[in-house]
Amino acid sequence: MKTWKIWAITVPIILLMLCCAVIAWLWQNVSTNWAPEEQAAQYVLNHTPIDHIDSYQVFTASGLEDVFLGTDTFGHKWYAFYIPAKHTAYSVGVDQLVSAKKVEQSLLQDNIHTDTYSIGYVTGEASKALSAESSTNVVYEVRGRENGKAIFVYVDATSGHILWRYQLSA
């Protein structure tokens, strides 16, 4: 067999084997990265009124938690908060909470301009600061600007009252 035929057969086979190895490595590493989120989603589907998950985010103000927005069988919207450390989920109907738009408008009256916000469930010491009328332990974490400086504001999602505010130094 001539040398060029050996090269013409061997090089594509080596390249194909290399591609298969890279794909197998990526498949193994990428699929394991989402395992905790998959477990959290399955737990939420099994232990809360949510039947269909619409969105997902992570909330870290009171420890790591997975936040899901979804609907039940009747089309009502719910938030579900899964806390991996406790292996527990809490659910709250969206209609029990102040809307993010109202929170943003309220903060604007206090001269706080919202950049981003997230919603989460607070536990432990942080939950003691919630108002007596709050029965949900749900807060909005708002990152914004006040007088040109970065600020974090925590708002009770049930009443709309500001709980804590932290201004970052420049």
N, C-alpha and C. Protein backbone atom coordinates (compact mmCIF):
# COMPACT_ATOMS: atom_id res chain seq x y z
N MET A 1 0.84 -1.17 0.00
CA MET A 1 0.00 0.00 0.00
C MET A 1 0.88 1.24 0.00
N LYS A 2 0.47 2.19 -0.74
CA LYS A 2 1.27 3.40 -0.83
C LYS A 2 1.08 4.26 0.42
N THR A 3 2.04 5.08 0.67
CA THR A 3 2.06 5.92 1.86
C THR A 3 0.88 6.88 1.90
N TRP A 4 0.54 7.45 0.80
CA TRP A 4 -0.55 8.42 0.79
C TRP A 4 -1.89 7.75 1.13
N LYS A 5 -2.08 6.48 0.75
CA LYS A 5 -3.31 5.77 1.08
C LYS A 5 -3.39 5.51 2.59
N ILE A 6 -2.26 5.18 3.18
CA ILE A 6 -2.22 4.96 4.63
C ILE A 6 -2.58 6.25 5.36
N TRP A 7 -1.99 7.35 4.94
CA TRP A 7 -2.30 8.65 5.54
C TRP A 7 -3.76 9.04 5.29
N ALA A 8 -4.27 8.77 4.11
CA ALA A 8 -5.65 9.14 3.75
C ALA A 8 -6.66 8.36 4.60
N ILE A 9 -6.32 7.19 5.05
CA ILE A 9 -7.23 6.39 5.87
C ILE A 9 -7.00 6.65 7.36
N THR A 10 -5.76 6.71 7.79
CA THR A 10 -5.41 6.83 9.20
C THR A 10 -5.80 8.19 9.80
N VAL A 11 -5.50 9.27 9.13
CA VAL A 11 -5.77 10.62 9.65
C VAL A 11 -7.26 10.84 9.89
N PRO A 12 -8.16 10.53 8.93
CA PRO A 12 -9.60 10.71 9.22
C PRO A 12 -10.09 9.84 10.37
N ILE A 13 -9.56 8.63 10.49
CA ILE A 13 -9.97 7.75 11.59
C ILE A 13 -9.53 8.35 12.93
N ILE A 14 -8.31 8.85 13.01
CA ILE A 14 -7.81 9.47 14.24
C ILE A 14 -8.64 10.71 14.58
N LEU A 15 -8.94 11.54 13.57
CA LEU A 15 -9.75 12.74 13.80
C LEU A 15 -11.16 12.38 14.27
N LEU A 16 -11.74 11.36 13.71
CA LEU A 16 -13.07 10.91 14.10
C LEU A 16 -13.08 10.41 15.56
N MET A 17 -12.05 9.65 15.92
CA MET A 17 -11.93 9.16 17.29
C MET A 17 -11.74 10.32 18.26
N LEU A 18 -10.94 11.31 17.88
CA LEU A 18 -10.73 12.48 18.72
C LEU A 18 -12.03 13.26 18.91
N CYS A 19 -12.79 13.44 17.85
CA CYS A 19 -14.08 14.14 17.94
C CYS A 19 -15.04 13.39 18.86
N CYS A 20 -15.08 12.07 18.73
CA CYS A 20 -15.95 11.26 19.59
C CYS A 20 -15.55 11.41 21.06
N ALA A 21 -14.27 11.43 21.33
CA ALA A 21 -13.79 11.58 22.71
C ALA A 21 -14.17 12.94 23.27
N VAL A 22 -14.04 14.00 22.48
CA VAL A 22 -14.40 15.35 22.92
C VAL A 22 -15.90 15.44 23.18
N ILE A 23 -16.71 14.88 22.30
CA ILE A 23 -18.16 14.91 22.48
C ILE A 23 -18.56 14.13 23.74
N ALA A 24 -17.96 12.98 23.95
CA ALA A 24 -18.27 12.18 25.15
C ALA A 24 -17.87 12.93 26.42
N TRP A 25 -16.72 13.59 26.40
CA TRP A 25 -16.27 14.36 27.55
C TRP A 25 -17.22 15.52 27.83
N LEU A 26 -17.60 16.27 26.79
CA LEU A 26 -18.53 17.38 26.95
C LEU A 26 -19.88 16.90 27.47
N TRP A 27 -20.37 15.82 26.92
CA TRP A 27 -21.67 15.29 27.33
C TRP A 27 -21.67 14.94 28.82
N GLN A 28 -20.62 14.31 29.26
CA GLN A 28 -20.52 13.91 30.66
C GLN A 28 -20.43 15.13 31.57
N ASN A 29 -19.63 16.11 31.21
CA ASN A 29 -19.44 17.27 32.08
C ASN A 29 -20.61 18.25 32.05
N VAL A 30 -21.21 18.45 30.90
CA VAL A 30 -22.33 19.38 30.82
C VAL A 30 -23.57 18.79 31.48
N SER A 31 -23.82 17.53 31.28
CA SER A 31 -25.03 16.93 31.84
C SER A 31 -24.98 16.89 33.37
N THR A 32 -23.82 16.72 33.97
CA THR A 32 -23.73 16.67 35.43
C THR A 32 -23.85 18.07 36.05
N ASN A 33 -23.57 19.12 35.27
CA ASN A 33 -23.67 20.47 35.81
C ASN A 33 -25.11 20.85 36.15
N TRP A 34 -26.08 20.28 35.47
CA TRP A 34 -27.47 20.65 35.69
C TRP A 34 -28.20 19.70 36.63
N ALA A 35 -27.53 18.70 37.16
CA ALA A 35 -28.17 17.71 38.03
C ALA A 35 -28.85 18.35 39.25
N PRO A 36 -28.21 19.28 39.99
CA PRO A 36 -28.90 19.87 41.16
C PRO A 36 -30.17 20.64 40.77
N GLU A 37 -30.12 21.35 39.65
CA GLU A 37 -31.29 22.10 39.20
C GLU A 37 -32.42 21.15 38.79
N GLU A 38 -32.05 20.04 38.14
CA GLU A 38 -33.06 19.05 37.76
C GLU A 38 -33.71 18.45 38.99
N GLN A 39 -32.91 18.14 40.01
CA GLN A 39 -33.46 17.58 41.24
C GLN A 39 -34.38 18.59 41.93
N ALA A 40 -33.97 19.85 41.95
CA ALA A 40 -34.79 20.89 42.56
C ALA A 40 -36.11 21.04 41.81
N ALA A 41 -36.05 21.05 40.50
CA ALA A 41 -37.27 21.19 39.70
C ALA A 41 -38.21 20.01 39.93
N GLN A 42 -37.66 18.81 39.98
CA GLN A 42 -38.50 17.64 40.21
C GLN A 42 -39.13 17.68 41.60
N TYR A 43 -38.36 18.12 42.60
CA TYR A 43 -38.88 18.24 43.97
C TYR A 43 -40.04 19.24 44.00
N VAL A 44 -39.85 20.38 43.33
CA VAL A 44 -40.89 21.42 43.29
C VAL A 44 -42.14 20.88 42.59
N LEU A 45 -41.97 20.16 41.50
CA LEU A 45 -43.13 19.61 40.80
C LEU A 45 -43.87 18.58 41.65
N ASN A 46 -43.14 17.86 42.48
CA ASN A 46 -43.76 16.82 43.31
C ASN A 46 -44.36 17.34 44.62
N HIS A 47 -43.87 18.48 45.14
CA HIS A 47 -44.26 18.92 46.48
C HIS A 47 -44.93 20.29 46.55
N THR A 48 -45.24 20.89 45.43
CA THR A 48 -45.92 22.19 45.43
C THR A 48 -47.07 22.12 44.43
N PRO A 49 -47.92 23.14 44.40
CA PRO A 49 -49.03 23.14 43.44
C PRO A 49 -48.59 23.28 41.98
N ILE A 50 -47.35 23.62 41.74
CA ILE A 50 -46.88 23.86 40.36
C ILE A 50 -46.90 22.58 39.54
N ASP A 51 -47.53 22.67 38.36
CA ASP A 51 -47.55 21.56 37.40
C ASP A 51 -46.65 21.82 36.20
N HIS A 52 -46.40 23.10 35.93
CA HIS A 52 -45.59 23.49 34.77
C HIS A 52 -44.68 24.64 35.19
N ILE A 53 -43.39 24.47 34.98
CA ILE A 53 -42.41 25.50 35.34
C ILE A 53 -42.20 26.44 34.15
N ASP A 54 -42.38 27.74 34.42
CA ASP A 54 -42.20 28.76 33.37
C ASP A 54 -40.82 29.39 33.39
N SER A 55 -40.27 29.61 34.60
CA SER A 55 -38.95 30.24 34.67
C SER A 55 -38.22 29.77 35.92
N TYR A 56 -36.92 30.02 35.92
CA TYR A 56 -36.04 29.58 37.00
C TYR A 56 -35.00 30.65 37.25
N GLN A 57 -34.66 30.87 38.52
CA GLN A 57 -33.56 31.75 38.88
C GLN A 57 -32.99 31.30 40.22
N VAL A 58 -31.83 31.82 40.55
CA VAL A 58 -31.18 31.50 41.82
C VAL A 58 -31.24 32.74 42.70
N PHE A 59 -31.54 32.54 43.98
CA PHE A 59 -31.59 33.62 44.96
C PHE A 59 -30.58 33.29 46.04
N THR A 60 -29.71 34.24 46.39
CA THR A 60 -28.62 33.94 47.32
C THR A 60 -28.60 34.83 48.56
N ALA A 61 -29.60 35.68 48.76
CA ALA A 61 -29.55 36.61 49.89
C ALA A 61 -29.65 35.90 51.24
N SER A 62 -30.37 34.81 51.29
CA SER A 62 -30.57 34.11 52.56
C SER A 62 -30.02 32.69 52.45
N GLY A 63 -28.92 32.53 51.76
CA GLY A 63 -28.40 31.21 51.45
C GLY A 63 -28.85 30.83 50.05
N LEU A 64 -28.29 29.78 49.52
CA LEU A 64 -28.60 29.37 48.16
C LEU A 64 -30.00 28.78 48.09
N GLU A 65 -30.80 29.27 47.14
CA GLU A 65 -32.10 28.67 46.89
C GLU A 65 -32.47 28.80 45.42
N ASP A 66 -33.27 27.84 44.96
CA ASP A 66 -33.75 27.83 43.59
C ASP A 66 -35.17 28.38 43.59
N VAL A 67 -35.43 29.32 42.71
CA VAL A 67 -36.75 29.96 42.64
C VAL A 67 -37.38 29.61 41.30
N PHE A 68 -38.59 29.07 41.38
CA PHE A 68 -39.32 28.67 40.18
C PHE A 68 -40.62 29.45 40.10
N LEU A 69 -40.97 29.88 38.91
CA LEU A 69 -42.27 30.48 38.64
C LEU A 69 -43.00 29.50 37.74
N GLY A 70 -44.23 29.16 38.10
CA GLY A 70 -44.96 28.19 37.30
C GLY A 70 -46.45 28.31 37.50
N THR A 71 -47.17 27.42 36.86
CA THR A 71 -48.63 27.42 36.94
C THR A 71 -49.12 26.07 37.45
N ASP A 72 -50.29 26.11 38.09
CA ASP A 72 -50.90 24.86 38.54
C ASP A 72 -51.87 24.36 37.46
N THR A 73 -52.60 23.33 37.77
CA THR A 73 -53.53 22.72 36.81
C THR A 73 -54.59 23.70 36.34
N PHE A 74 -54.97 24.65 37.20
CA PHE A 74 -56.04 25.58 36.88
C PHE A 74 -55.53 26.88 36.25
N GLY A 75 -54.24 26.98 36.01
CA GLY A 75 -53.67 28.16 35.37
C GLY A 75 -53.26 29.26 36.32
N HIS A 76 -53.35 29.03 37.64
CA HIS A 76 -52.92 30.05 38.61
C HIS A 76 -51.39 30.04 38.70
N LYS A 77 -50.81 31.23 38.80
CA LYS A 77 -49.36 31.35 38.88
C LYS A 77 -48.88 31.23 40.33
N TRP A 78 -47.74 30.54 40.50
CA TRP A 78 -47.14 30.30 41.80
C TRP A 78 -45.64 30.52 41.73
N TYR A 79 -45.09 30.96 42.85
CA TYR A 79 -43.65 30.92 43.04
C TYR A 79 -43.36 29.75 43.96
N ALA A 80 -42.31 29.01 43.66
CA ALA A 80 -41.85 27.94 44.54
C ALA A 80 -40.38 28.19 44.85
N PHE A 81 -40.03 28.07 46.11
CA PHE A 81 -38.67 28.32 46.58
C PHE A 81 -38.12 27.02 47.15
N TYR A 82 -37.11 26.49 46.52
CA TYR A 82 -36.51 25.24 46.97
C TYR A 82 -35.19 25.56 47.67
N ILE A 83 -35.05 25.10 48.91
CA ILE A 83 -33.84 25.35 49.69
C ILE A 83 -33.10 24.03 49.81
N PRO A 84 -32.00 23.87 49.05
CA PRO A 84 -31.28 22.59 49.03
C PRO A 84 -30.75 22.16 50.39
N ALA A 85 -30.31 23.11 51.21
CA ALA A 85 -29.73 22.76 52.51
C ALA A 85 -30.76 22.08 53.42
N LYS A 86 -32.01 22.46 53.27
CA LYS A 86 -33.08 21.88 54.09
C LYS A 86 -33.89 20.83 53.33
N HIS A 87 -33.64 20.72 52.04
CA HIS A 87 -34.41 19.82 51.16
C HIS A 87 -35.91 20.08 51.36
N THR A 88 -36.28 21.37 51.25
CA THR A 88 -37.64 21.82 51.48
C THR A 88 -38.04 22.81 50.40
N ALA A 89 -39.33 22.82 50.08
CA ALA A 89 -39.86 23.79 49.13
C ALA A 89 -41.02 24.54 49.77
N TYR A 90 -41.09 25.83 49.48
CA TYR A 90 -42.19 26.68 49.93
C TYR A 90 -42.85 27.25 48.68
N SER A 91 -44.15 27.36 48.70
CA SER A 91 -44.84 27.93 47.54
C SER A 91 -45.76 29.06 47.98
N VAL A 92 -45.87 30.05 47.12
CA VAL A 92 -46.69 31.23 47.38
C VAL A 92 -47.36 31.61 46.07
N GLY A 93 -48.66 31.87 46.14
CA GLY A 93 -49.38 32.32 44.96
C GLY A 93 -48.95 33.72 44.56
N VAL A 94 -48.80 33.96 43.28
CA VAL A 94 -48.37 35.27 42.78
C VAL A 94 -49.37 36.35 43.20
N ASP A 95 -50.66 35.99 43.27
CA ASP A 95 -51.67 36.97 43.65
C ASP A 95 -51.58 37.40 45.11
N GLN A 96 -50.79 36.72 45.94
CA GLN A 96 -50.59 37.11 47.34
C GLN A 96 -49.47 38.13 47.49
N LEU A 97 -48.75 38.41 46.42
CA LEU A 97 -47.57 39.28 46.49
C LEU A 97 -47.81 40.61 45.77
N VAL A 98 -47.07 41.61 46.20
CA VAL A 98 -47.06 42.90 45.52
C VAL A 98 -46.28 42.70 44.22
N SER A 99 -46.76 43.27 43.15
CA SER A 99 -46.07 43.09 41.87
C SER A 99 -44.73 43.83 41.85
N ALA A 100 -43.81 43.32 41.05
CA ALA A 100 -42.50 43.95 40.92
C ALA A 100 -42.64 45.37 40.38
N LYS A 101 -43.61 45.59 39.53
CA LYS A 101 -43.84 46.93 38.96
C LYS A 101 -44.22 47.93 40.05
N LYS A 102 -45.07 47.50 40.99
CA LYS A 102 -45.47 48.39 42.10
C LYS A 102 -44.29 48.66 43.03
N VAL A 103 -43.46 47.66 43.25
CA VAL A 103 -42.26 47.84 44.07
C VAL A 103 -41.34 48.85 43.41
N GLU A 104 -41.14 48.71 42.10
CA GLU A 104 -40.28 49.63 41.37
C GLU A 104 -40.82 51.06 41.44
N GLN A 105 -42.13 51.23 41.29
CA GLN A 105 -42.73 52.56 41.37
C GLN A 105 -42.57 53.15 42.78
N SER A 106 -42.74 52.32 43.79
CA SER A 106 -42.59 52.77 45.17
C SER A 106 -41.15 53.22 45.45
N LEU A 107 -40.19 52.46 44.96
CA LEU A 107 -38.78 52.82 45.15
C LEU A 107 -38.43 54.09 44.39
N LEU A 108 -39.04 54.28 43.25
CA LEU A 108 -38.79 55.48 42.46
C LEU A 108 -39.23 56.73 43.23
N GLN A 109 -40.28 56.61 44.03
CA GLN A 109 -40.72 57.73 44.87
C GLN A 109 -39.67 58.07 45.93
N ASP A 110 -38.87 57.07 46.33
CA ASP A 110 -37.78 57.29 47.29
C ASP A 110 -36.47 57.61 46.57
N ASN A 111 -36.55 57.92 45.28
CA ASN A 111 -35.39 58.28 44.45
C ASN A 111 -34.41 57.11 44.27
N ILE A 112 -34.93 55.89 44.26
CA ILE A 112 -34.12 54.71 43.99
C ILE A 112 -34.51 54.17 42.62
N HIS A 113 -33.56 54.16 41.71
CA HIS A 113 -33.80 53.71 40.34
C HIS A 113 -33.37 52.24 40.23
N THR A 114 -34.30 51.38 39.88
CA THR A 114 -34.06 49.94 39.83
C THR A 114 -33.25 49.55 38.60
N ASP A 115 -32.19 48.77 38.82
CA ASP A 115 -31.44 48.16 37.72
C ASP A 115 -31.92 46.74 37.49
N THR A 116 -31.89 45.92 38.54
CA THR A 116 -32.36 44.54 38.46
C THR A 116 -33.04 44.18 39.77
N TYR A 117 -33.83 43.12 39.72
CA TYR A 117 -34.44 42.63 40.95
C TYR A 117 -34.58 41.11 40.85
N SER A 118 -34.66 40.49 42.01
CA SER A 118 -34.95 39.06 42.06
C SER A 118 -35.85 38.83 43.27
N ILE A 119 -36.52 37.71 43.27
CA ILE A 119 -37.44 37.39 44.35
C ILE A 119 -36.94 36.14 45.05
N GLY A 120 -37.10 36.10 46.37
CA GLY A 120 -36.62 34.95 47.11
C GLY A 120 -37.32 34.79 48.44
N TYR A 121 -37.02 33.70 49.10
CA TYR A 121 -37.61 33.34 50.38
C TYR A 121 -36.54 33.46 51.45
N VAL A 122 -36.80 34.24 52.48
CA VAL A 122 -35.79 34.43 53.53
C VAL A 122 -36.09 33.52 54.72
N THR A 123 -35.02 33.02 55.32
CA THR A 123 -35.15 32.14 56.48
C THR A 123 -34.23 32.65 57.58
N GLY A 124 -34.31 32.04 58.73
CA GLY A 124 -33.39 32.35 59.83
C GLY A 124 -33.56 33.75 60.37
N GLU A 125 -32.43 34.39 60.67
CA GLU A 125 -32.42 35.73 61.26
C GLU A 125 -33.11 36.76 60.36
N ALA A 126 -32.93 36.62 59.07
CA ALA A 126 -33.51 37.59 58.14
C ALA A 126 -35.03 37.59 58.20
N SER A 127 -35.64 36.43 58.42
CA SER A 127 -37.10 36.36 58.44
C SER A 127 -37.70 37.08 59.66
N LYS A 128 -36.92 37.29 60.71
CA LYS A 128 -37.42 37.98 61.90
C LYS A 128 -37.67 39.46 61.63
N ALA A 129 -37.06 40.02 60.60
CA ALA A 129 -37.22 41.43 60.29
C ALA A 129 -38.47 41.71 59.46
N LEU A 130 -39.13 40.67 59.00
CA LEU A 130 -40.33 40.87 58.20
C LEU A 130 -41.46 41.41 59.05
N SER A 131 -42.34 42.17 58.44
CA SER A 131 -43.44 42.79 59.17
C SER A 131 -44.43 41.74 59.65
N ALA A 132 -45.22 42.09 60.63
CA ALA A 132 -46.19 41.17 61.20
C ALA A 132 -47.25 40.77 60.18
N GLU A 133 -47.53 41.66 59.23
CA GLU A 133 -48.54 41.35 58.22
C GLU A 133 -48.02 40.42 57.13
N SER A 134 -46.72 40.20 57.09
CA SER A 134 -46.14 39.31 56.10
C SER A 134 -46.24 37.88 56.60
N SER A 135 -46.90 37.06 55.82
CA SER A 135 -47.03 35.66 56.19
C SER A 135 -46.26 34.76 55.24
N THR A 136 -45.54 35.36 54.31
CA THR A 136 -44.93 34.55 53.25
C THR A 136 -43.42 34.42 53.33
N ASN A 137 -42.71 35.31 54.02
CA ASN A 137 -41.25 35.33 54.08
C ASN A 137 -40.61 35.57 52.70
N VAL A 138 -41.35 36.14 51.79
CA VAL A 138 -40.86 36.41 50.44
C VAL A 138 -40.45 37.87 50.34
N VAL A 139 -39.27 38.10 49.75
CA VAL A 139 -38.76 39.46 49.59
C VAL A 139 -38.29 39.67 48.15
N TYR A 140 -38.28 40.92 47.76
CA TYR A 140 -37.63 41.34 46.52
C TYR A 140 -36.25 41.86 46.89
N GLU A 141 -35.24 41.41 46.19
CA GLU A 141 -33.90 41.97 46.32
C GLU A 141 -33.70 42.87 45.11
N VAL A 142 -33.58 44.15 45.36
CA VAL A 142 -33.49 45.13 44.28
C VAL A 142 -32.09 45.73 44.27
N ARG A 143 -31.46 45.69 43.11
CA ARG A 143 -30.18 46.38 42.93
C ARG A 143 -30.49 47.61 42.10
N GLY A 144 -30.09 48.76 42.64
CA GLY A 144 -30.39 50.00 41.93
C GLY A 144 -29.39 51.09 42.23
N ARG A 145 -29.80 52.33 41.96
CA ARG A 145 -28.96 53.49 42.18
C ARG A 145 -29.75 54.54 42.95
N GLU A 146 -29.09 55.12 43.93
CA GLU A 146 -29.67 56.23 44.68
C GLU A 146 -28.62 57.33 44.71
N ASN A 147 -28.94 58.47 44.12
CA ASN A 147 -28.00 59.59 44.01
C ASN A 147 -26.70 59.16 43.35
N GLY A 148 -26.79 58.32 42.36
CA GLY A 148 -25.62 57.89 41.61
C GLY A 148 -24.81 56.78 42.25
N LYS A 149 -25.19 56.33 43.43
CA LYS A 149 -24.44 55.27 44.12
C LYS A 149 -25.23 53.96 44.07
N ALA A 150 -24.50 52.86 43.99
CA ALA A 150 -25.12 51.55 43.96
C ALA A 150 -25.74 51.23 45.32
N ILE A 151 -26.93 50.63 45.27
CA ILE A 151 -27.65 50.31 46.51
C ILE A 151 -28.38 48.99 46.33
N PHE A 152 -28.45 48.22 47.41
CA PHE A 152 -29.27 47.02 47.46
C PHE A 152 -30.41 47.31 48.44
N VAL A 153 -31.63 47.02 48.01
CA VAL A 153 -32.80 47.25 48.84
C VAL A 153 -33.59 45.94 48.90
N TYR A 154 -34.01 45.57 50.10
CA TYR A 154 -34.83 44.38 50.29
C TYR A 154 -36.23 44.84 50.67
N VAL A 155 -37.21 44.38 49.90
CA VAL A 155 -38.59 44.81 50.07
C VAL A 155 -39.46 43.60 50.40
N ASP A 156 -40.30 43.76 51.42
CA ASP A 156 -41.26 42.71 51.77
C ASP A 156 -42.22 42.53 50.59
N ALA A 157 -42.25 41.34 50.01
CA ALA A 157 -43.06 41.11 48.81
C ALA A 157 -44.55 41.02 49.12
N THR A 158 -44.92 40.90 50.40
CA THR A 158 -46.33 40.85 50.77
C THR A 158 -46.89 42.26 50.98
N SER A 159 -46.15 43.11 51.68
CA SER A 159 -46.65 44.44 52.01
C SER A 159 -46.06 45.55 51.14
N GLY A 160 -44.89 45.33 50.56
CA GLY A 160 -44.23 46.36 49.77
C GLY A 160 -43.36 47.30 50.58
N HIS A 161 -43.20 47.03 51.89
CA HIS A 161 -42.38 47.89 52.75
C HIS A 161 -40.90 47.55 52.59
N ILE A 162 -40.07 48.59 52.67
CA ILE A 162 -38.62 48.40 52.62
C ILE A 162 -38.16 47.79 53.94
N LEU A 163 -37.42 46.72 53.85
CA LEU A 163 -36.91 46.04 55.05
C LEU A 163 -35.49 46.48 55.37
N TRP A 164 -34.60 46.36 54.38
CA TRP A 164 -33.18 46.71 54.57
C TRP A 164 -32.71 47.43 53.34
N ARG A 165 -31.70 48.26 53.55
CA ARG A 165 -31.04 48.93 52.40
C ARG A 165 -29.55 49.01 52.70
N TYR A 166 -28.77 48.68 51.71
CA TYR A 166 -27.32 48.71 51.83
C TYR A 166 -26.76 49.53 50.69
N GLN A 167 -26.02 50.58 51.02
CA GLN A 167 -25.40 51.38 49.99
C GLN A 167 -23.94 50.96 49.86
N LEU A 168 -23.53 50.69 48.65
CA LEU A 168 -22.16 50.26 48.40
C LEU A 168 -21.26 51.48 48.30
N SER A 169 -20.08 51.40 48.91
CA SER A 169 -19.14 52.52 48.81
C SER A 169 -18.47 52.51 47.45
N ALA A 170 -18.15 53.67 47.01
CA ALA A 170 -17.54 53.81 45.67
C ALA A 170 -16.08 53.52 45.68
